[in-house]
Amino acid sequence: MRSDRARTGSTSGTRRHPALAAALATLLGACVTNDGPPPVIGYNPLYSQADHMKRLVAAGNFGEAVALHGRELAFFDGNADKTSALLDDVAKGFNVQWEPRVAEATAACAAVAWPAPRESWTGIKATVSGCRSVLREYDASNALTRGTREAAGVAGLRQVAEDLSRRIGADAAPLMSAEDLASGRNFISEYPLEMPLAPAFAARLARSYDAARPDEARLFRIASAYAPQVRDDAAVRQALVDAVSATLRTRAKSGSLRDVAATYRQALQHGVAPARIPVTAGVYVVGGSASPFPATIAPDLPLEWKPLSGLATIPDVDFVVALGPASLGVERKVADQAKVASRFVSGSRSTPNPAYASAVAEFTRAQQQVASANAQQISAATDIRCTMYGCQPNYAGQIVAAIFAGVAASNLEAARKKLTATPPRSRSPSSRTTASTRPR
């Protein structure tokens, strides 16, 4: 009985203090959470970030516990002495979940044999990338798993990955120096380690391609094979542009302007054309301003063009372009003819307009409505209603009759305008067909 009275007293006590009951409900409601990623929670003295983390640890959700530590870093740093043991448990559980991935990546990197034949580079590249990806994901998880709380296997994986990357990186420049750049294979894309290889590529290109004896086919095979680097790596692209510029200078000395233009247009197609062609051309117009055929020069190649006043003294240029009038003649001869049919407007014809008859009928109906409305108004004006208190006109009937009369008058005006605007007859063009001949 005492227990029943105690419960009764407690209930009535909260009823006397509804504000207290609401506050308790709010505080206790904050303790309700899911084991998965929680919604935004209003932490309070009865339910702190540490209490939330304990629930996640109890549920084995260590990944979300680590994420909670990252979101509430200020709280856990400010309460390090109280939460140290809890954070140790979180880190231990988190590391246990990561151990299989770390062990698998470590074994894969440790099994790589280097140096290795070219055919195995793709598999080695995937292995190195996988090991680095595991390390990046683990290191990015949170500050909680760094330092003394880092998984023991992570240090071993990092050491194995760094040792393998160091050995592969050390061989990159020597292997590139022996590479046949025109083989159609892309050394930079295939190499097992992603690293800056543009300097090694430029050095190899300078040694393997002699612009003094230009071979455009070889040069553009290289540009085609290394198209991804031409697009994305400015250093590789510039090395090929420099080689194209040197080739154009050589062609200017030993070839024709047509050869220079052909090489430049190929370079444009491969994305390795220089901004300006390192060639100079002099332009001379025969007859000058006295020529009966005025000439305007619009160069289509980005080289240096110099106007020449004459050919007696030619400055230091690579090419001279002379423009003069040509003898032109035109002779027209019709080899065959064909008949062609055509139609032309020869006049017009008048026909009754159907819309006019409709407008007349509409106007007649409007006139009849006006007459009927006027009759209703006369009838309403003479309608007298008498009662025991006396007689008076039927005002309601007069109002209704006036409204009908106004509507009828408006309809009559609209019908009149429509009838005025509609012609009684319509005209349409008439055409004729003829035949003529023209050259095929």
Protein backbone atom coordinates (compact mmCIF):
# COMPACT_ATOMS: atom_id res chain seq x y z
CA MET A 1 0.00 0.00 0.00
CA ARG A 2 2.86 2.35 0.78
CA SER A 3 4.24 1.70 -2.64
CA ASP A 4 0.90 2.57 -4.25
CA ARG A 5 0.68 5.77 -2.27
CA ALA A 6 4.24 6.70 -3.26
CA ARG A 7 3.44 6.24 -6.92
CA THR A 8 0.23 8.22 -6.52
CA GLY A 9 2.04 11.01 -4.78
CA SER A 10 4.72 11.15 -7.46
CA THR A 11 2.12 11.34 -10.22
CA SER A 12 0.19 14.10 -8.59
CA GLY A 13 3.45 15.91 -7.90
CA THR A 14 4.33 16.07 -11.57
CA ARG A 15 0.82 17.14 -12.33
CA ARG A 16 1.32 20.06 -10.00
CA HIS A 17 4.54 20.99 -11.87
CA PRO A 18 3.91 20.57 -15.60
CA ALA A 19 7.06 22.58 -16.49
CA LEU A 20 9.24 20.14 -14.53
CA ALA A 21 7.54 17.19 -16.23
CA ALA A 22 8.19 18.71 -19.67
CA ALA A 23 11.85 19.33 -18.87
CA LEU A 24 12.34 15.74 -17.68
CA ALA A 25 10.66 14.43 -20.82
CA THR A 26 13.03 16.53 -22.97
CA LEU A 27 16.14 15.34 -21.12
CA LEU A 28 15.14 11.69 -21.20
CA GLY A 29 14.06 11.94 -24.82
CA ALA A 30 17.63 12.92 -25.77
CA CYS A 31 18.78 9.48 -24.62
CA VAL A 32 16.81 7.77 -27.39
CA THR A 33 19.06 7.06 -30.36
CA ASN A 34 19.66 4.53 -33.09
CA ASP A 35 22.79 2.45 -33.41
CA GLY A 36 23.36 3.83 -36.92
CA PRO A 37 24.31 7.43 -37.83
CA PRO A 38 22.26 9.47 -35.35
CA PRO A 39 20.26 12.59 -36.07
CA VAL A 40 21.34 15.86 -34.53
CA ILE A 41 21.16 15.24 -30.78
CA GLY A 42 20.87 17.92 -28.11
CA TYR A 43 23.39 16.70 -25.58
CA ASN A 44 22.76 17.67 -21.94
CA PRO A 45 23.94 16.82 -18.41
CA LEU A 46 21.85 13.63 -18.41
CA TYR A 47 23.06 12.44 -21.82
CA SER A 48 26.52 13.56 -22.96
CA GLN A 49 28.67 12.75 -25.96
CA ALA A 50 30.42 10.12 -23.85
CA ASP A 51 27.08 8.41 -23.09
CA HIS A 52 26.32 8.38 -26.82
CA MET A 53 29.73 6.84 -27.56
CA LYS A 54 29.18 4.14 -24.90
CA ARG A 55 25.97 3.09 -26.63
CA LEU A 56 27.79 2.85 -29.96
CA VAL A 57 30.59 0.79 -28.42
CA ALA A 58 28.07 -1.54 -26.80
CA ALA A 59 26.46 -2.04 -30.19
CA GLY A 60 29.85 -2.72 -31.85
CA ASN A 61 29.50 0.31 -34.10
CA PHE A 62 33.11 1.46 -33.79
CA GLY A 63 33.19 3.27 -37.13
CA GLU A 64 30.39 5.62 -36.04
CA ALA A 65 32.05 5.99 -32.62
CA VAL A 66 35.24 7.20 -34.35
CA ALA A 67 33.16 9.58 -36.48
CA LEU A 68 31.44 10.87 -33.30
CA HIS A 69 34.84 11.60 -31.81
CA GLY A 70 35.73 13.65 -34.88
CA ARG A 71 32.45 15.62 -34.75
CA GLU A 72 32.71 16.29 -31.00
CA LEU A 73 36.48 16.70 -30.75
CA ALA A 74 36.20 19.76 -28.49
CA PHE A 75 34.19 17.79 -25.90
CA PHE A 76 36.53 14.80 -25.83
CA ASP A 77 39.66 16.98 -25.69
CA GLY A 78 38.14 18.94 -22.82
CA ASN A 79 37.28 15.73 -20.96
CA ALA A 80 40.36 13.68 -21.88
CA ASP A 81 40.97 12.46 -18.34
CA LYS A 82 37.39 11.11 -18.04
CA THR A 83 37.09 9.63 -21.53
CA SER A 84 40.60 8.23 -22.08
CA ALA A 85 39.66 4.64 -21.26
CA LEU A 86 36.52 4.88 -23.40
CA LEU A 87 38.52 6.20 -26.35
CA ASP A 88 41.04 3.37 -25.90
CA ASP A 89 38.17 0.87 -26.22
CA VAL A 90 36.89 2.63 -29.34
CA ALA A 91 40.32 2.64 -30.98
CA LYS A 92 40.88 -1.02 -30.11
CA GLY A 93 37.55 -2.09 -31.57
CA PHE A 94 38.04 0.08 -34.66
CA ASN A 95 41.51 -1.37 -35.27
CA VAL A 96 40.23 -4.92 -34.90
CA GLN A 97 37.74 -4.25 -37.70
CA TRP A 98 40.54 -2.89 -39.91
CA GLU A 99 43.04 -5.68 -39.25
CA PRO A 100 41.90 -7.98 -42.14
CA ARG A 101 42.19 -5.20 -44.78
CA VAL A 102 45.54 -4.03 -43.41
CA ALA A 103 46.94 -7.58 -43.30
CA GLU A 104 45.74 -8.35 -46.83
CA ALA A 105 47.26 -5.16 -48.25
CA THR A 106 50.55 -5.76 -46.42
CA ALA A 107 50.83 -9.29 -47.79
CA ALA A 108 50.03 -8.10 -51.33
CA CYS A 109 52.70 -5.36 -51.29
CA ALA A 110 55.28 -7.63 -49.69
CA ALA A 111 54.75 -10.24 -52.45
CA VAL A 112 55.59 -7.78 -55.27
CA ALA A 113 58.91 -8.57 -56.94
CA TRP A 114 60.79 -5.61 -58.38
CA PRO A 115 62.31 -5.10 -60.95
CA ALA A 116 59.60 -6.78 -62.99
CA PRO A 117 58.89 -7.30 -66.71
CA ARG A 118 56.73 -4.73 -68.53
CA GLU A 119 53.84 -7.17 -68.85
CA SER A 120 53.35 -7.27 -65.05
CA TRP A 121 53.35 -3.50 -64.52
CA THR A 122 49.55 -3.22 -64.67
CA GLY A 123 49.08 -5.71 -61.82
CA ILE A 124 51.86 -4.13 -59.74
CA LYS A 125 50.33 -0.69 -60.24
CA ALA A 126 46.97 -1.95 -58.97
CA THR A 127 48.64 -3.51 -55.91
CA VAL A 128 50.60 -0.36 -55.01
CA SER A 129 47.48 1.76 -55.51
CA GLY A 130 45.46 -0.60 -53.30
CA CYS A 131 47.99 -0.41 -50.45
CA ARG A 132 48.10 3.38 -50.62
CA SER A 133 44.29 3.51 -50.69
CA VAL A 134 44.04 1.45 -47.48
CA LEU A 135 46.51 3.78 -45.75
CA ARG A 136 44.69 6.89 -46.96
CA GLU A 137 41.31 5.60 -45.76
CA TYR A 138 42.68 4.60 -42.37
CA ASP A 139 44.61 7.85 -41.83
CA ALA A 140 41.59 9.91 -42.89
CA SER A 141 39.28 8.14 -40.42
CA ASN A 142 40.01 10.36 -37.41
CA ALA A 143 42.69 11.77 -35.11
CA LEU A 144 41.62 9.11 -32.59
CA THR A 145 43.51 6.30 -34.37
CA ARG A 146 46.81 8.14 -34.65
CA GLY A 147 49.85 7.94 -32.43
CA THR A 148 49.65 5.37 -29.65
CA ARG A 149 46.15 4.27 -30.65
CA GLU A 150 47.18 3.39 -34.24
CA ALA A 151 46.73 -0.23 -35.25
CA ALA A 152 49.94 -2.19 -35.00
CA GLY A 153 49.61 -3.54 -38.54
CA VAL A 154 49.28 -0.09 -40.09
CA ALA A 155 52.88 0.80 -39.31
CA GLY A 156 54.02 -2.40 -41.01
CA LEU A 157 51.88 -1.71 -44.09
CA ARG A 158 53.21 1.83 -44.29
CA GLN A 159 56.80 0.56 -44.13
CA VAL A 160 56.23 -2.10 -46.82
CA ALA A 161 54.45 0.37 -49.12
CA GLU A 162 57.13 3.05 -48.70
CA ASP A 163 59.95 0.55 -49.35
CA LEU A 164 58.26 -0.77 -52.51
CA SER A 165 57.50 2.76 -53.76
CA ARG A 166 61.10 3.82 -53.13
CA ARG A 167 62.49 0.92 -55.15
CA ILE A 168 60.07 1.44 -58.04
CA GLY A 169 60.63 5.21 -58.03
CA ALA A 170 64.41 4.84 -58.14
CA ASP A 171 64.22 2.85 -61.39
CA ALA A 172 61.84 5.24 -63.20
CA ALA A 173 64.43 7.59 -64.74
CA PRO A 174 66.84 4.81 -65.89
CA LEU A 175 63.99 2.84 -67.46
CA MET A 176 62.63 5.94 -69.19
CA SER A 177 66.08 6.71 -70.60
CA ALA A 178 66.02 3.38 -72.43
CA GLU A 179 62.37 3.68 -73.58
CA ASP A 180 61.48 3.83 -77.28
CA LEU A 181 59.02 6.71 -77.16
CA ALA A 182 57.75 5.97 -80.68
CA SER A 183 56.83 2.36 -79.87
CA GLY A 184 53.18 3.32 -79.39
CA ARG A 185 53.24 2.52 -75.65
CA ASN A 186 52.81 5.12 -72.92
CA PHE A 187 55.56 4.68 -70.32
CA ILE A 188 54.13 7.34 -67.96
CA SER A 189 50.63 5.83 -67.88
CA GLU A 190 51.88 2.24 -67.58
CA TYR A 191 54.57 2.77 -64.94
CA PRO A 192 53.54 1.09 -61.65
CA LEU A 193 54.11 4.23 -59.57
CA GLU A 194 52.36 7.54 -60.16
CA MET A 195 55.13 10.13 -60.03
CA PRO A 196 56.30 13.21 -61.97
CA LEU A 197 58.06 11.76 -65.04
CA ALA A 198 57.88 14.82 -67.32
CA PRO A 199 61.58 15.76 -66.82
CA ALA A 200 62.67 12.21 -67.69
CA PHE A 201 60.36 12.25 -70.73
CA ALA A 202 61.79 15.57 -71.96
CA ALA A 203 65.35 14.33 -71.54
CA ARG A 204 64.60 11.11 -73.41
CA LEU A 205 62.83 13.00 -76.23
CA ALA A 206 65.77 15.38 -76.61
CA ARG A 207 68.19 12.43 -76.96
CA SER A 208 66.01 10.27 -79.22
CA TYR A 209 64.63 12.85 -81.67
CA ASP A 210 66.98 14.88 -83.88
CA ALA A 211 65.21 17.93 -85.26
CA ALA A 212 68.13 18.52 -87.64
CA ARG A 213 67.00 15.38 -89.47
CA PRO A 214 63.24 15.72 -88.91
CA ASP A 215 60.99 12.71 -88.91
CA GLU A 216 57.45 14.03 -88.49
CA ALA A 217 55.90 10.56 -88.59
CA ARG A 218 57.96 9.47 -85.58
CA LEU A 219 57.37 12.73 -83.72
CA PHE A 220 53.61 12.57 -84.09
CA ARG A 221 53.53 8.86 -83.14
CA ILE A 222 55.04 9.95 -79.84
CA ALA A 223 52.49 12.76 -79.45
CA SER A 224 49.66 10.32 -80.16
CA ALA A 225 50.92 7.70 -77.67
CA TYR A 226 51.30 10.32 -74.93
CA ALA A 227 48.00 12.10 -75.69
CA PRO A 228 46.79 11.97 -72.03
CA GLN A 229 49.95 13.78 -70.88
CA VAL A 230 49.75 16.24 -73.79
CA ARG A 231 46.27 17.12 -72.53
CA ASP A 232 46.98 17.20 -68.78
CA ASP A 233 50.74 17.70 -68.24
CA ALA A 234 52.08 21.09 -69.35
CA ALA A 235 55.72 19.94 -69.10
CA VAL A 236 55.24 16.96 -71.44
CA ARG A 237 53.24 19.10 -73.86
CA GLN A 238 55.93 21.80 -73.89
CA ALA A 239 58.68 19.24 -74.61
CA LEU A 240 56.78 18.11 -77.72
CA VAL A 241 55.98 21.70 -78.75
CA ASP A 242 59.70 22.53 -78.58
CA ALA A 243 60.47 19.53 -80.79
CA VAL A 244 57.83 20.67 -83.31
CA SER A 245 59.26 24.21 -83.34
CA ALA A 246 62.76 22.88 -84.06
CA THR A 247 61.33 20.70 -86.85
CA LEU A 248 59.57 23.70 -88.42
CA ARG A 249 62.82 25.70 -88.40
CA THR A 250 64.59 22.85 -90.16
CA ARG A 251 61.81 22.55 -92.75
CA ALA A 252 62.02 26.28 -93.43
CA LYS A 253 65.69 25.91 -94.36
CA SER A 254 65.45 22.82 -96.52
CA GLY A 255 61.86 22.53 -97.69
CA SER A 256 59.03 24.63 -99.00
CA LEU A 257 56.39 26.75 -97.30
CA ARG A 258 53.94 24.00 -98.15
CA ASP A 259 56.03 21.53 -96.09
CA VAL A 260 56.04 23.94 -93.15
CA ALA A 261 52.25 24.33 -93.35
CA ALA A 262 51.71 20.56 -93.52
CA THR A 263 53.85 19.93 -90.42
CA TYR A 264 52.13 22.72 -88.51
CA ARG A 265 48.66 21.41 -89.30
CA GLN A 266 49.65 17.92 -88.13
CA ALA A 267 50.91 19.46 -84.90
CA LEU A 268 47.56 21.22 -84.46
CA GLN A 269 45.74 17.90 -84.78
CA HIS A 270 47.89 16.36 -82.03
CA GLY A 271 47.71 19.38 -79.71
CA VAL A 272 51.45 20.16 -79.84
CA ALA A 273 51.52 23.16 -82.20
CA PRO A 274 53.47 26.25 -81.09
CA ALA A 275 51.62 29.53 -80.67
CA ARG A 276 53.69 30.99 -83.52
CA ILE A 277 55.65 29.29 -86.28
CA PRO A 278 59.35 30.30 -86.00
CA VAL A 279 59.48 31.17 -89.72
CA THR A 280 59.57 34.51 -91.56
CA ALA A 281 57.99 35.12 -94.97
CA GLY A 282 58.18 38.21 -97.18
CA VAL A 283 55.13 39.16 -99.27
CA TYR A 284 55.42 41.12 -102.53
CA VAL A 285 52.40 42.26 -104.58
CA VAL A 286 53.31 42.68 -108.29
CA GLY A 287 52.34 46.15 -109.47
CA GLY A 288 51.62 47.37 -105.95
CA SER A 289 48.88 49.99 -105.68
CA ALA A 290 48.97 50.54 -109.48
CA SER A 291 47.77 47.00 -110.14
CA PRO A 292 44.27 46.79 -111.69
CA PHE A 293 43.63 43.91 -109.31
CA PRO A 294 43.82 45.18 -105.69
CA ALA A 295 45.04 42.45 -103.31
CA THR A 296 44.36 41.99 -99.60
CA ILE A 297 46.57 39.51 -97.75
CA ALA A 298 44.91 37.40 -95.02
CA PRO A 299 47.54 34.95 -93.70
CA ASP A 300 46.23 31.58 -92.50
CA LEU A 301 49.49 30.55 -90.79
CA PRO A 302 50.76 32.18 -87.55
CA LEU A 303 54.22 33.01 -88.86
CA GLU A 304 55.91 36.39 -89.24
CA TRP A 305 54.84 38.09 -92.49
CA LYS A 306 56.87 41.03 -93.82
CA PRO A 307 55.57 43.22 -96.70
CA LEU A 308 58.15 43.78 -99.50
CA SER A 309 58.20 46.87 -101.68
CA GLY A 310 60.23 45.13 -104.40
CA LEU A 311 62.33 42.12 -105.26
CA ALA A 312 65.59 43.96 -105.96
CA THR A 313 66.60 43.88 -102.31
CA ILE A 314 65.16 41.04 -100.24
CA PRO A 315 65.67 41.12 -96.47
CA ASP A 316 66.63 38.09 -94.42
CA VAL A 317 63.49 35.95 -94.66
CA ASP A 318 62.88 32.23 -95.02
CA PHE A 319 60.39 32.50 -97.89
CA VAL A 320 59.20 35.08 -100.43
CA VAL A 321 55.57 35.04 -101.56
CA ALA A 322 54.86 37.01 -104.78
CA LEU A 323 51.27 37.82 -105.75
CA GLY A 324 50.32 39.09 -109.21
CA PRO A 325 47.36 39.31 -111.62
CA ALA A 326 46.45 36.29 -113.67
CA SER A 327 44.84 36.13 -117.12
CA LEU A 328 41.29 35.01 -116.61
CA GLY A 329 38.71 33.99 -119.21
CA VAL A 330 35.21 32.56 -118.90
CA GLU A 331 33.38 30.56 -121.57
CA ARG A 332 29.86 29.28 -120.99
CA LYS A 333 28.52 26.25 -122.85
CA VAL A 334 25.14 24.65 -122.16
CA ALA A 335 25.49 20.92 -122.62
CA ASP A 336 21.89 19.91 -121.88
CA GLN A 337 18.57 21.39 -120.90
CA ALA A 338 15.60 20.22 -118.87
CA LYS A 339 11.98 21.34 -118.71
CA VAL A 340 10.86 22.85 -115.42
CA ALA A 341 7.20 23.41 -114.48
CA SER A 342 6.24 26.54 -112.54
CA ARG A 343 3.07 28.25 -111.35
CA PHE A 344 2.30 31.98 -111.20
CA VAL A 345 -0.62 34.09 -110.01
CA SER A 346 -2.63 35.20 -113.02
CA GLY A 347 -5.58 36.94 -111.32
CA SER A 348 -8.26 36.57 -108.61
CA ARG A 349 -11.89 35.44 -108.28
CA SER A 350 -14.76 36.60 -106.05
CA THR A 351 -16.94 34.11 -104.12
CA PRO A 352 -19.71 34.51 -101.48
CA ASN A 353 -18.30 34.85 -97.99
CA PRO A 354 -19.91 32.26 -95.62
CA ALA A 355 -18.94 34.38 -92.63
CA TYR A 356 -21.11 37.25 -93.88
CA ALA A 357 -24.32 35.17 -93.81
CA SER A 358 -23.47 34.06 -90.27
CA ALA A 359 -22.92 37.69 -89.20
CA VAL A 360 -26.30 38.74 -90.69
CA ALA A 361 -28.10 35.95 -88.81
CA GLU A 362 -26.35 36.94 -85.56
CA PHE A 363 -27.35 40.60 -86.03
CA THR A 364 -30.99 39.59 -86.65
CA ARG A 365 -31.07 37.52 -83.43
CA ALA A 366 -29.64 40.46 -81.50
CA GLN A 367 -32.38 42.76 -82.83
CA GLN A 368 -35.04 40.28 -81.73
CA GLN A 369 -33.49 40.10 -78.25
CA VAL A 370 -33.61 43.90 -77.94
CA ALA A 371 -37.29 43.95 -78.96
CA SER A 372 -38.12 41.23 -76.43
CA ALA A 373 -36.20 43.09 -73.67
CA ASN A 374 -38.08 46.32 -74.42
CA ALA A 375 -41.40 44.49 -74.16
CA GLN A 376 -40.36 43.07 -70.77
CA GLN A 377 -39.48 46.56 -69.53
CA ILE A 378 -42.95 47.91 -70.56
CA SER A 379 -44.65 44.99 -68.82
CA ALA A 380 -42.60 45.50 -65.66
CA ALA A 381 -43.41 49.24 -65.56
CA THR A 382 -47.17 48.52 -65.46
CA ASP A 383 -46.92 45.68 -62.93
CA ILE A 384 -48.54 47.01 -59.69
CA ARG A 385 -48.68 44.82 -56.56
CA CYS A 386 -51.43 45.58 -53.98
CA THR A 387 -51.69 44.35 -50.37
CA MET A 388 -53.79 45.24 -47.32
CA TYR A 389 -51.37 48.10 -46.70
CA GLY A 390 -51.64 49.61 -50.13
CA CYS A 391 -50.34 49.31 -53.73
CA GLN A 392 -46.82 49.80 -55.14
CA PRO A 393 -44.84 49.05 -58.38
CA ASN A 394 -42.94 45.72 -58.80
CA TYR A 395 -39.44 47.12 -58.42
CA ALA A 396 -37.73 43.72 -58.59
CA GLY A 397 -39.29 42.97 -61.94
CA GLN A 398 -38.27 46.38 -63.24
CA ILE A 399 -34.62 45.77 -62.21
CA VAL A 400 -34.50 42.36 -63.90
CA ALA A 401 -36.07 43.76 -67.05
CA ALA A 402 -33.51 46.61 -67.10
CA ILE A 403 -30.64 44.13 -66.80
CA PHE A 404 -31.96 42.05 -69.69
CA ALA A 405 -32.37 45.21 -71.77
CA GLY A 406 -28.75 46.24 -71.12
CA VAL A 407 -27.41 42.82 -72.09
CA ALA A 408 -29.52 42.76 -75.27
CA ALA A 409 -28.30 46.25 -76.27
CA SER A 410 -24.65 45.18 -75.72
CA ASN A 411 -25.14 42.05 -77.85
CA LEU A 412 -26.77 44.11 -80.59
CA GLU A 413 -23.79 46.52 -80.71
CA ALA A 414 -21.29 43.63 -80.92
CA ALA A 415 -23.29 41.99 -83.73
CA ARG A 416 -23.47 45.28 -85.60
CA LYS A 417 -19.66 45.74 -85.45
CA LYS A 418 -19.06 42.16 -86.59
CA LEU A 419 -21.45 42.59 -89.52
CA THR A 420 -19.79 45.86 -90.53
CA ALA A 421 -16.32 44.24 -90.48
CA THR A 422 -17.32 41.17 -92.54
CA PRO A 423 -17.28 41.60 -96.35
CA PRO A 424 -20.17 40.00 -98.28
CA ARG A 425 -17.75 38.38 -100.76
CA SER A 426 -14.15 37.09 -100.52
CA ARG A 427 -11.42 37.14 -103.13
CA SER A 428 -8.86 34.34 -103.72
CA PRO A 429 -5.89 34.28 -106.13
CA SER A 430 -5.98 32.17 -109.28
CA SER A 431 -2.80 30.65 -110.77
CA ARG A 432 -1.58 29.12 -114.01
CA THR A 433 1.06 26.49 -114.75
CA THR A 434 3.80 27.11 -117.33
CA ALA A 435 6.86 25.15 -118.50
CA SER A 436 10.39 26.50 -119.13
CA THR A 437 13.84 25.08 -119.81
CA ARG A 438 17.08 25.42 -117.82
CA PRO A 439 20.58 23.92 -118.09
CA ARG A 440 21.03 20.61 -116.37
